[in-house]
Amino acid sequence: MAVGLLSAPISPSIRQRCKILVENPITSQALSSSERSFLYMPLMHSESALIHEMAVVLFTTLETSNTLEFELKHKKIVDRFGRYPHRNTILGRTSSAEELVFLQEPNSSF
């Protein structure tokens, strides 16, 4: 059960709420670096290349966080496949041959 929850796509409503908060300049002034890092997590787990572009900028602004490194790893997968291949089974999507090879590689999933 927990694996399914971790593999599930981020709800569009959660992503939208996150986007509203991120775009509000008061948020960046009122929240600590750790709080903003938590707020940005739905962006990191999006399958949208455009959202990942925004996430890289946002994670770069965090003072003491290694989340930028993880964002860049997530972005690389979305840039390559347009989605997260490890979600294919739970979402009923067919994996391409390239995705199947990727999924067998070490560290292909988080």
Protein backbone atom coordinates (compact mmCIF):
# COMPACT_ATOMS: atom_id res chain seq x y z
CA MET A 1 0.00 0.00 0.00
CA ALA A 2 2.70 2.52 0.93
CA VAL A 3 4.59 1.81 -2.30
CA GLY A 4 1.45 2.58 -4.28
CA LEU A 5 0.97 5.85 -2.46
CA LEU A 6 4.58 6.85 -3.07
CA SER A 7 4.30 5.98 -6.76
CA ALA A 8 1.00 7.75 -7.30
CA PRO A 9 0.98 10.93 -9.37
CA ILE A 10 0.65 14.21 -7.54
CA SER A 11 -2.93 15.41 -7.50
CA PRO A 12 -3.54 18.32 -9.90
CA SER A 13 -5.29 20.20 -7.08
CA ILE A 14 -2.22 19.86 -4.83
CA ARG A 15 0.02 21.03 -7.67
CA GLN A 16 -2.28 24.00 -8.30
CA ARG A 17 -2.29 25.00 -4.63
CA CYS A 18 1.48 24.73 -4.52
CA LYS A 19 1.75 26.88 -7.66
CA ILE A 20 -0.46 29.57 -6.11
CA LEU A 21 1.69 29.67 -2.98
CA VAL A 22 4.95 29.68 -4.93
CA GLU A 23 3.81 32.54 -7.15
CA ASN A 24 2.86 34.64 -4.10
CA PRO A 25 5.85 36.84 -3.19
CA ILE A 26 4.76 36.91 0.45
CA THR A 27 5.42 33.16 0.64
CA SER A 28 9.13 33.53 -0.04
CA GLN A 29 9.40 36.23 2.61
CA ALA A 30 7.35 34.48 5.28
CA LEU A 31 8.67 30.92 5.05
CA SER A 32 12.02 29.51 6.08
CA SER A 33 14.24 27.70 3.61
CA SER A 34 13.10 24.33 5.01
CA GLU A 35 9.45 25.29 4.72
CA ARG A 36 9.90 26.44 1.13
CA SER A 37 11.72 23.20 0.33
CA PHE A 38 8.69 21.28 1.60
CA LEU A 39 6.36 23.54 -0.38
CA TYR A 40 8.28 22.93 -3.61
CA MET A 41 8.17 19.11 -3.38
CA PRO A 42 5.02 18.70 -5.53
CA LEU A 43 6.84 20.57 -8.30
CA MET A 44 9.74 18.10 -8.15
CA HIS A 45 7.32 15.22 -8.63
CA SER A 46 5.47 16.71 -11.59
CA GLU A 47 5.79 15.15 -15.04
CA SER A 48 5.74 18.59 -16.68
CA ALA A 49 9.05 19.81 -18.13
CA LEU A 50 7.82 23.40 -17.74
CA ILE A 51 7.15 22.92 -14.04
CA HIS A 52 10.62 21.42 -13.64
CA GLU A 53 12.14 24.55 -15.19
CA MET A 54 10.39 26.58 -12.49
CA ALA A 55 11.40 24.07 -9.79
CA VAL A 56 15.10 24.36 -10.67
CA VAL A 57 14.91 28.13 -10.20
CA LEU A 58 13.06 27.78 -6.90
CA PHE A 59 15.30 25.06 -5.44
CA THR A 60 18.33 27.17 -6.41
CA THR A 61 17.09 29.91 -4.06
CA LEU A 62 17.23 27.66 -1.00
CA GLU A 63 20.15 28.47 1.26
CA THR A 64 21.06 25.13 2.81
CA SER A 65 19.45 22.35 0.91
CA ASN A 66 20.57 19.42 -1.20
CA THR A 67 17.13 19.26 -2.80
CA LEU A 68 18.42 21.02 -5.92
CA GLU A 69 20.53 17.93 -6.64
CA PHE A 70 17.44 15.73 -6.36
CA GLU A 71 15.38 18.13 -8.48
CA LEU A 72 18.00 17.95 -11.23
CA LYS A 73 17.89 14.13 -11.13
CA HIS A 74 14.09 14.18 -11.38
CA LYS A 75 14.20 16.76 -14.19
CA LYS A 76 16.67 14.65 -16.16
CA ILE A 77 14.22 11.72 -16.16
CA VAL A 78 11.27 13.90 -17.24
CA ASP A 79 13.41 15.56 -19.92
CA ARG A 80 14.42 12.14 -21.24
CA PHE A 81 11.05 10.34 -21.14
CA GLY A 82 8.42 13.05 -20.67
CA ARG A 83 7.27 11.18 -17.57
CA TYR A 84 8.46 9.01 -14.70
CA PRO A 85 8.73 5.46 -16.06
CA HIS A 86 8.50 3.95 -12.56
CA ARG A 87 4.88 5.20 -12.42
CA ASN A 88 3.85 3.39 -15.60
CA THR A 89 2.60 0.19 -13.97
CA ILE A 90 0.50 1.88 -11.31
CA LEU A 91 -0.97 4.26 -13.90
CA GLY A 92 -1.67 1.51 -16.42
CA ARG A 93 0.77 2.95 -18.96
CA THR A 94 2.82 0.80 -21.31
CA SER A 95 6.56 1.23 -20.89
CA SER A 96 8.71 1.75 -23.96
CA ALA A 97 11.72 -0.50 -24.58
CA GLU A 98 13.99 2.38 -23.54
CA GLU A 99 12.03 2.87 -20.31
CA LEU A 100 12.25 -0.84 -19.48
CA VAL A 101 16.03 -0.74 -19.89
CA PHE A 102 16.19 2.40 -17.75
CA LEU A 103 14.11 0.80 -14.99
CA GLN A 104 16.67 -1.99 -14.69
CA GLU A 105 19.51 0.47 -14.11
CA PRO A 106 20.75 1.16 -10.58
CA ASN A 107 19.23 4.27 -9.01
CA SER A 108 16.56 4.54 -11.71
CA SER A 109 13.90 5.14 -9.08
CA PHE A 110 13.86 7.23 -5.96
